[in-house]
Amino acid sequence: MEYEMRAEYAEGASPYDPEPRFEVWHMTRLDGTTALCGRELEPDAARQSAHAWGTPAGRPLCHACGASYIHQVPHDVP
């Protein structure tokens, strides 16, 4: 299964605003709009690769999505 990160916007903001107010990144299945935490996200929300998970580009991350993602996808531990 493939995953990606999708933005959640601040209350009252949308991806169509000239400068949308970003709230947090969620993990979704590739091309999905339902986050692993169950939140429904905007179909046109900003996206980025799941490779951003755990990097500065992927912050802030929904804690519930992060916990679910780490249990679903094997990660190398140094």
PDB file of N, CA and C in Angstrom:
ATOM      1  N   MET A   1       0.848  -1.177   0.000  1.00  0.00           N
ATOM      2  CA  MET A   1       0.000   0.000   0.000  1.00  0.00           C
ATOM      3  C   MET A   1       0.893   1.241   0.000  1.00  0.00           C
ATOM      4  N   GLU A   2       0.499   2.252  -0.756  1.00  0.00           N
ATOM      5  CA  GLU A   2       1.257   3.498  -0.812  1.00  0.00           C
ATOM      6  C   GLU A   2       0.514   4.592  -0.049  1.00  0.00           C
ATOM      7  N   TYR A   3       1.288   5.508   0.509  1.00  0.00           N
ATOM      8  CA  TYR A   3       0.744   6.587   1.325  1.00  0.00           C
ATOM      9  C   TYR A   3       1.286   7.925   0.845  1.00  0.00           C
ATOM     10  N   GLU A   4       0.616   8.990   1.276  1.00  0.00           N
ATOM     11  CA  GLU A   4       1.086  10.351   1.038  1.00  0.00           C
ATOM     12  C   GLU A   4       0.633  11.208   2.202  1.00  0.00           C
ATOM     13  N   MET A   5       1.162  12.406   2.263  1.00  0.00           N
ATOM     14  CA  MET A   5       0.752  13.361   3.291  1.00  0.00           C
ATOM     15  C   MET A   5      -0.181  14.374   2.636  1.00  0.00           C
ATOM     16  N   ARG A   6      -1.214  14.763   3.389  1.00  0.00           N
ATOM     17  CA  ARG A   6      -2.187  15.725   2.872  1.00  0.00           C
ATOM     18  C   ARG A   6      -2.438  16.774   3.963  1.00  0.00           C
ATOM     19  N   ALA A   7      -2.535  18.025   3.550  1.00  0.00           N
ATOM     20  CA  ALA A   7      -2.683  19.133   4.491  1.00  0.00           C
ATOM     21  C   ALA A   7      -4.106  19.257   5.023  1.00  0.00           C
ATOM     22  N   GLU A   8      -4.173  19.657   6.290  1.00  0.00           N
ATOM     23  CA  GLU A   8      -5.432  20.123   6.881  1.00  0.00           C
ATOM     24  C   GLU A   8      -5.247  21.612   7.098  1.00  0.00           C
ATOM     25  N   TYR A   9      -6.266  22.373   6.787  1.00  0.00           N
ATOM     26  CA  TYR A   9      -6.189  23.825   6.904  1.00  0.00           C
ATOM     27  C   TYR A   9      -6.875  24.296   8.173  1.00  0.00           C
ATOM     28  N   ALA A  10      -6.496  25.473   8.635  1.00  0.00           N
ATOM     29  CA  ALA A  10      -7.096  26.062   9.827  1.00  0.00           C
ATOM     30  C   ALA A  10      -8.591  26.262   9.602  1.00  0.00           C
ATOM     31  N   GLU A  11      -9.337  26.327  10.691  1.00  0.00           N
ATOM     32  CA  GLU A  11     -10.783  26.512  10.599  1.00  0.00           C
ATOM     33  C   GLU A  11     -11.106  27.749   9.772  1.00  0.00           C
ATOM     34  N   GLY A  12     -11.998  27.584   8.823  1.00  0.00           N
ATOM     35  CA  GLY A  12     -12.411  28.684   7.964  1.00  0.00           C
ATOM     36  C   GLY A  12     -11.518  28.886   6.744  1.00  0.00           C
ATOM     37  N   ALA A  13     -10.410  28.164   6.667  1.00  0.00           N
ATOM     38  CA  ALA A  13      -9.495  28.295   5.525  1.00  0.00           C
ATOM     39  C   ALA A  13      -9.738  27.146   4.549  1.00  0.00           C
ATOM     40  N   SER A  14      -9.311  27.340   3.312  1.00  0.00           N
ATOM     41  CA  SER A  14      -9.440  26.286   2.315  1.00  0.00           C
ATOM     42  C   SER A  14      -8.243  26.344   1.368  1.00  0.00           C
ATOM     43  N   PRO A  15      -8.014  25.258   0.625  1.00  0.00           N
ATOM     44  CA  PRO A  15      -6.894  25.275  -0.319  1.00  0.00           C
ATOM     45  C   PRO A  15      -7.083  26.279  -1.445  1.00  0.00           C
ATOM     46  N   TYR A  16      -8.272  26.845  -1.570  1.00  0.00           N
ATOM     47  CA  TYR A  16      -8.556  27.809  -2.631  1.00  0.00           C
ATOM     48  C   TYR A  16      -8.237  29.245  -2.217  1.00  0.00           C
ATOM     49  N   ASP A  17      -7.942  29.472  -0.936  1.00  0.00           N
ATOM     50  CA  ASP A  17      -7.586  30.812  -0.470  1.00  0.00           C
ATOM     51  C   ASP A  17      -6.246  31.213  -1.078  1.00  0.00           C
ATOM     52  N   PRO A  18      -6.034  32.520  -1.316  1.00  0.00           N
ATOM     53  CA  PRO A  18      -4.756  32.962  -1.878  1.00  0.00           C
ATOM     54  C   PRO A  18      -3.566  32.539  -1.007  1.00  0.00           C
ATOM     55  N   GLU A  19      -3.717  32.613   0.302  1.00  0.00           N
ATOM     56  CA  GLU A  19      -2.686  32.167   1.235  1.00  0.00           C
ATOM     57  C   GLU A  19      -3.365  31.326   2.309  1.00  0.00           C
ATOM     58  N   PRO A  20      -3.661  30.060   2.010  1.00  0.00           N
ATOM     59  CA  PRO A  20      -4.401  29.232   2.967  1.00  0.00           C
ATOM     60  C   PRO A  20      -3.626  29.036   4.265  1.00  0.00           C
ATOM     61  N   ARG A  21      -4.353  29.096   5.368  1.00  0.00           N
ATOM     62  CA  ARG A  21      -3.741  28.914   6.688  1.00  0.00           C
ATOM     63  C   ARG A  21      -3.642  27.415   6.987  1.00  0.00           C
ATOM     64  N   PHE A  22      -2.438  26.898   6.945  1.00  0.00           N
ATOM     65  CA  PHE A  22      -2.151  25.490   7.162  1.00  0.00           C
ATOM     66  C   PHE A  22      -2.231  25.162   8.650  1.00  0.00           C
ATOM     67  N   GLU A  23      -2.755  23.976   8.959  1.00  0.00           N
ATOM     68  CA  GLU A  23      -2.870  23.530  10.351  1.00  0.00           C
ATOM     69  C   GLU A  23      -1.904  22.375  10.649  1.00  0.00           C
ATOM     70  N   VAL A  24      -2.044  21.261   9.921  1.00  0.00           N
ATOM     71  CA  VAL A  24      -1.268  20.063  10.239  1.00  0.00           C
ATOM     72  C   VAL A  24      -1.267  19.116   9.032  1.00  0.00           C
ATOM     73  N   TRP A  25      -0.233  18.273   8.934  1.00  0.00           N
ATOM     74  CA  TRP A  25      -0.182  17.234   7.907  1.00  0.00           C
ATOM     75  C   TRP A  25      -0.811  15.960   8.441  1.00  0.00           C
ATOM     76  N   HIS A  26      -1.540  15.270   7.571  1.00  0.00           N
ATOM     77  CA  HIS A  26      -2.120  13.963   7.880  1.00  0.00           C
ATOM     78  C   HIS A  26      -1.562  12.953   6.899  1.00  0.00           C
ATOM     79  N   MET A  27      -1.579  11.686   7.286  1.00  0.00           N
ATOM     80  CA  MET A  27      -1.210  10.594   6.387  1.00  0.00           C
ATOM     81  C   MET A  27      -2.486  10.028   5.782  1.00  0.00           C
ATOM     82  N   THR A  28      -2.458   9.809   4.475  1.00  0.00           N
ATOM     83  CA  THR A  28      -3.593   9.187   3.777  1.00  0.00           C
ATOM     84  C   THR A  28      -3.050   8.087   2.865  1.00  0.00           C
ATOM     85  N   ARG A  29      -3.932   7.222   2.450  1.00  0.00           N
ATOM     86  CA  ARG A  29      -3.546   6.286   1.394  1.00  0.00           C
ATOM     87  C   ARG A  29      -3.413   7.107   0.116  1.00  0.00           C
ATOM     88  N   LEU A  30      -2.549   6.692  -0.775  1.00  0.00           N
ATOM     89  CA  LEU A  30      -2.274   7.444  -1.993  1.00  0.00           C
ATOM     90  C   LEU A  30      -3.569   7.814  -2.703  1.00  0.00           C
ATOM     91  N   ASP A  31      -3.731   9.087  -3.000  1.00  0.00           N
ATOM     92  CA  ASP A  31      -4.895   9.667  -3.678  1.00  0.00           C
ATOM     93  C   ASP A  31      -6.171   9.603  -2.853  1.00  0.00           C
ATOM     94  N   GLY A  32      -6.076   9.280  -1.571  1.00  0.00           N
ATOM     95  CA  GLY A  32      -7.252   9.252  -0.697  1.00  0.00           C
ATOM     96  C   GLY A  32      -7.476  10.588  -0.025  1.00  0.00           C
ATOM     97  N   THR A  33      -8.668  10.781   0.510  1.00  0.00           N
ATOM     98  CA  THR A  33      -8.967  12.014   1.237  1.00  0.00           C
ATOM     99  C   THR A  33      -9.316  11.750   2.692  1.00  0.00           C
ATOM    100  N   THR A  34      -9.332  10.478   3.103  1.00  0.00           N
ATOM    101  CA  THR A  34      -9.585  10.153   4.500  1.00  0.00           C
ATOM    102  C   THR A  34      -8.251   9.856   5.164  1.00  0.00           C
ATOM    103  N   ALA A  35      -7.933  10.653   6.182  1.00  0.00           N
ATOM    104  CA  ALA A  35      -6.676  10.465   6.901  1.00  0.00           C
ATOM    105  C   ALA A  35      -6.714   9.172   7.701  1.00  0.00           C
ATOM    106  N   LEU A  36      -5.546   8.663   8.059  1.00  0.00           N
ATOM    107  CA  LEU A  36      -5.473   7.450   8.863  1.00  0.00           C
ATOM    108  C   LEU A  36      -6.141   7.639  10.226  1.00  0.00           C
ATOM    109  N   CYS A  37      -6.275   8.888  10.675  1.00  0.00           N
ATOM    110  CA  CYS A  37      -6.958   9.170  11.942  1.00  0.00           C
ATOM    111  C   CYS A  37      -8.475   9.241  11.770  1.00  0.00           C
ATOM    112  N   GLY A  38      -8.952   9.184  10.525  1.00  0.00           N
ATOM    113  CA  GLY A  38     -10.381   9.228  10.245  1.00  0.00           C
ATOM    114  C   GLY A  38     -10.903  10.569   9.775  1.00  0.00           C
ATOM    115  N   ARG A  39     -10.093  11.617   9.864  1.00  0.00           N
ATOM    116  CA  ARG A  39     -10.536  12.953   9.432  1.00  0.00           C
ATOM    117  C   ARG A  39     -10.661  12.982   7.917  1.00  0.00           C
ATOM    118  N   GLU A  40     -11.744  13.577   7.426  1.00  0.00           N
ATOM    119  CA  GLU A  40     -11.949  13.757   5.985  1.00  0.00           C
ATOM    120  C   GLU A  40     -11.287  15.067   5.578  1.00  0.00           C
ATOM    121  N   LEU A  41     -10.446  15.021   4.547  1.00  0.00           N
ATOM    122  CA  LEU A  41      -9.687  16.187   4.108  1.00  0.00           C
ATOM    123  C   LEU A  41     -10.168  16.666   2.750  1.00  0.00           C
ATOM    124  N   GLU A  42      -9.850  17.917   2.453  1.00  0.00           N
ATOM    125  CA  GLU A  42     -10.234  18.526   1.178  1.00  0.00           C
ATOM    126  C   GLU A  42      -9.610  17.753   0.016  1.00  0.00           C
ATOM    127  N   PRO A  43     -10.378  17.442  -1.024  1.00  0.00           N
ATOM    128  CA  PRO A  43      -9.807  16.735  -2.182  1.00  0.00           C
ATOM    129  C   PRO A  43      -8.663  17.500  -2.846  1.00  0.00           C
ATOM    130  N   ASP A  44      -8.683  18.832  -2.771  1.00  0.00           N
ATOM    131  CA  ASP A  44      -7.642  19.640  -3.402  1.00  0.00           C
ATOM    132  C   ASP A  44      -6.590  20.138  -2.421  1.00  0.00           C
ATOM    133  N   ALA A  45      -6.536  19.532  -1.238  1.00  0.00           N
ATOM    134  CA  ALA A  45      -5.542  19.936  -0.239  1.00  0.00           C
ATOM    135  C   ALA A  45      -4.134  19.657  -0.764  1.00  0.00           C
ATOM    136  N   ALA A  46      -3.192  20.459  -0.284  1.00  0.00           N
ATOM    137  CA  ALA A  46      -1.792  20.245  -0.656  1.00  0.00           C
ATOM    138  C   ALA A  46      -1.370  18.838  -0.254  1.00  0.00           C
ATOM    139  N   ARG A  47      -0.503  18.258  -1.060  1.00  0.00           N
ATOM    140  CA  ARG A  47       0.002  16.906  -0.800  1.00  0.00           C
ATOM    141  C   ARG A  47       1.517  16.912  -0.868  1.00  0.00           C
ATOM    142  N   GLN A  48       2.088  15.924  -0.225  1.00  0.00           N
ATOM    143  CA  GLN A  48       3.512  15.666  -0.383  1.00  0.00           C
ATOM    144  C   GLN A  48       3.764  14.186  -0.157  1.00  0.00           C
ATOM    145  N   SER A  49       4.910  13.752  -0.587  1.00  0.00           N
ATOM    146  CA  SER A  49       5.282  12.345  -0.501  1.00  0.00           C
ATOM    147  C   SER A  49       5.337  11.882   0.956  1.00  0.00           C
ATOM    148  N   ALA A  50       5.039  10.623   1.172  1.00  0.00           N
ATOM    149  CA  ALA A  50       5.162  10.036   2.505  1.00  0.00           C
ATOM    150  C   ALA A  50       6.614  10.056   2.973  1.00  0.00           C
ATOM    151  N   HIS A  51       7.558  10.247   2.055  1.00  0.00           N
ATOM    152  CA  HIS A  51       8.971  10.326   2.431  1.00  0.00           C
ATOM    153  C   HIS A  51       9.250  11.544   3.316  1.00  0.00           C
ATOM    154  N   ALA A  52       8.338  12.504   3.343  1.00  0.00           N
ATOM    155  CA  ALA A  52       8.516  13.679   4.202  1.00  0.00           C
ATOM    156  C   ALA A  52       8.192  13.363   5.662  1.00  0.00           C
ATOM    157  N   TRP A  53       7.569  12.214   5.919  1.00  0.00           N
ATOM    158  CA  TRP A  53       7.241  11.816   7.281  1.00  0.00           C
ATOM    159  C   TRP A  53       8.530  11.737   8.106  1.00  0.00           C
ATOM    160  N   GLY A  54       8.526  12.364   9.269  1.00  0.00           N
ATOM    161  CA  GLY A  54       9.693  12.338  10.140  1.00  0.00           C
ATOM    162  C   GLY A  54      10.757  13.357   9.797  1.00  0.00           C
ATOM    163  N   THR A  55      10.498  14.219   8.816  1.00  0.00           N
ATOM    164  CA  THR A  55      11.443  15.272   8.446  1.00  0.00           C
ATOM    165  C   THR A  55      10.822  16.625   8.779  1.00  0.00           C
ATOM    166  N   PRO A  56      11.611  17.688   8.764  1.00  0.00           N
ATOM    167  CA  PRO A  56      11.039  19.018   9.008  1.00  0.00           C
ATOM    168  C   PRO A  56       9.908  19.377   8.034  1.00  0.00           C
ATOM    169  N   ALA A  57       9.985  18.894   6.794  1.00  0.00           N
ATOM    170  CA  ALA A  57       8.938  19.199   5.811  1.00  0.00           C
ATOM    171  C   ALA A  57       7.596  18.580   6.189  1.00  0.00           C
ATOM    172  N   GLY A  58       7.609  17.544   7.007  1.00  0.00           N
ATOM    173  CA  GLY A  58       6.387  16.853   7.391  1.00  0.00           C
ATOM    174  C   GLY A  58       5.827  17.280   8.731  1.00  0.00           C
ATOM    175  N   ARG A  59       6.268  18.418   9.227  1.00  0.00           N
ATOM    176  CA  ARG A  59       5.802  18.889  10.540  1.00  0.00           C
ATOM    177  C   ARG A  59       4.944  20.123  10.407  1.00  0.00           C
ATOM    178  N   PRO A  60       3.978  20.284  11.257  1.00  0.00           N
ATOM    179  CA  PRO A  60       3.550  19.339  12.279  1.00  0.00           C
ATOM    180  C   PRO A  60       2.724  18.212  11.662  1.00  0.00           C
ATOM    181  N   LEU A  61       2.819  17.036  12.258  1.00  0.00           N
ATOM    182  CA  LEU A  61       2.102  15.853  11.793  1.00  0.00           C
ATOM    183  C   LEU A  61       1.050  15.473  12.824  1.00  0.00           C
ATOM    184  N   CYS A  62      -0.117  15.099  12.366  1.00  0.00           N
ATOM    185  CA  CYS A  62      -1.170  14.582  13.237  1.00  0.00           C
ATOM    186  C   CYS A  62      -0.598  13.373  13.997  1.00  0.00           C
ATOM    187  N   HIS A  63      -0.649  13.415  15.318  1.00  0.00           N
ATOM    188  CA  HIS A  63      -0.082  12.337  16.128  1.00  0.00           C
ATOM    189  C   HIS A  63      -0.794  11.014  15.901  1.00  0.00           C
ATOM    190  N   ALA A  64      -2.107  11.053  15.750  1.00  0.00           N
ATOM    191  CA  ALA A  64      -2.868   9.822  15.529  1.00  0.00           C
ATOM    192  C   ALA A  64      -2.499   9.192  14.183  1.00  0.00           C
ATOM    193  N   CYS A  65      -2.348  10.022  13.154  1.00  0.00           N
ATOM    194  CA  CYS A  65      -1.934   9.506  11.845  1.00  0.00           C
ATOM    195  C   CYS A  65      -0.524   8.919  11.935  1.00  0.00           C
ATOM    196  N   GLY A  66       0.370   9.612  12.622  1.00  0.00           N
ATOM    197  CA  GLY A  66       1.740   9.133  12.753  1.00  0.00           C
ATOM    198  C   GLY A  66       1.798   7.779  13.438  1.00  0.00           C
ATOM    199  N   ALA A  67       1.015   7.613  14.508  1.00  0.00           N
ATOM    200  CA  ALA A  67       1.001   6.343  15.229  1.00  0.00           C
ATOM    201  C   ALA A  67       0.458   5.225  14.342  1.00  0.00           C
ATOM    202  N   SER A  68      -0.599   5.508  13.621  1.00  0.00           N
ATOM    203  CA  SER A  68      -1.187   4.507  12.732  1.00  0.00           C
ATOM    204  C   SER A  68      -0.219   4.159  11.598  1.00  0.00           C
ATOM    205  N   TYR A  69       0.400   5.172  11.032  1.00  0.00           N
ATOM    206  CA  TYR A  69       1.323   4.971   9.910  1.00  0.00           C
ATOM    207  C   TYR A  69       2.514   4.110  10.326  1.00  0.00           C
ATOM    208  N   ILE A  70       3.094   4.398  11.473  1.00  0.00           N
ATOM    209  CA  ILE A  70       4.285   3.661  11.901  1.00  0.00           C
ATOM    210  C   ILE A  70       3.967   2.186  12.148  1.00  0.00           C
ATOM    211  N   HIS A  71       2.718   1.881  12.473  1.00  0.00           N
ATOM    212  CA  HIS A  71       2.318   0.483  12.670  1.00  0.00           C
ATOM    213  C   HIS A  71       1.975  -0.219  11.363  1.00  0.00           C
ATOM    214  N   GLN A  72       1.670   0.549  10.326  1.00  0.00           N
ATOM    215  CA  GLN A  72       1.285  -0.035   9.044  1.00  0.00           C
ATOM    216  C   GLN A  72       2.458  -0.203   8.082  1.00  0.00           C
ATOM    217  N   VAL A  73       3.481   0.606   8.251  1.00  0.00           N
ATOM    218  CA  VAL A  73       4.592   0.632   7.297  1.00  0.00           C
ATOM    219  C   VAL A  73       5.892   0.325   8.034  1.00  0.00           C
ATOM    220  N   PRO A  74       6.621  -0.685   7.597  1.00  0.00           N
ATOM    221  CA  PRO A  74       7.903  -0.969   8.252  1.00  0.00           C
ATOM    222  C   PRO A  74       8.907   0.152   7.991  1.00  0.00           C
ATOM    223  N   HIS A  75       9.636   0.531   9.015  1.00  0.00           N
ATOM    224  CA  HIS A  75      10.648   1.573   8.909  1.00  0.00           C
ATOM    225  C   HIS A  75      11.973   1.022   9.433  1.00  0.00           C
ATOM    226  N   ASP A  76      13.045   1.446   8.809  1.00  0.00           N
ATOM    227  CA  ASP A  76      14.371   1.063   9.293  1.00  0.00           C
ATOM    228  C   ASP A  76      14.670   1.840  10.561  1.00  0.00           C
ATOM    229  N   VAL A  77      15.147   1.152  11.562  1.00  0.00           N
ATOM    230  CA  VAL A  77      15.538   1.801  12.807  1.00  0.00           C
ATOM    231  C   VAL A  77      17.053   1.741  12.894  1.00  0.00           C
ATOM    232  N   PRO A  78      17.679   2.910  13.044  1.00  0.00           N
ATOM    233  CA  PRO A  78      19.163   2.925  13.083  1.00  0.00           C
ATOM    234  C   PRO A  78      19.700   2.219  14.300  1.00  0.00           C
TER     235      PRO A  78
END
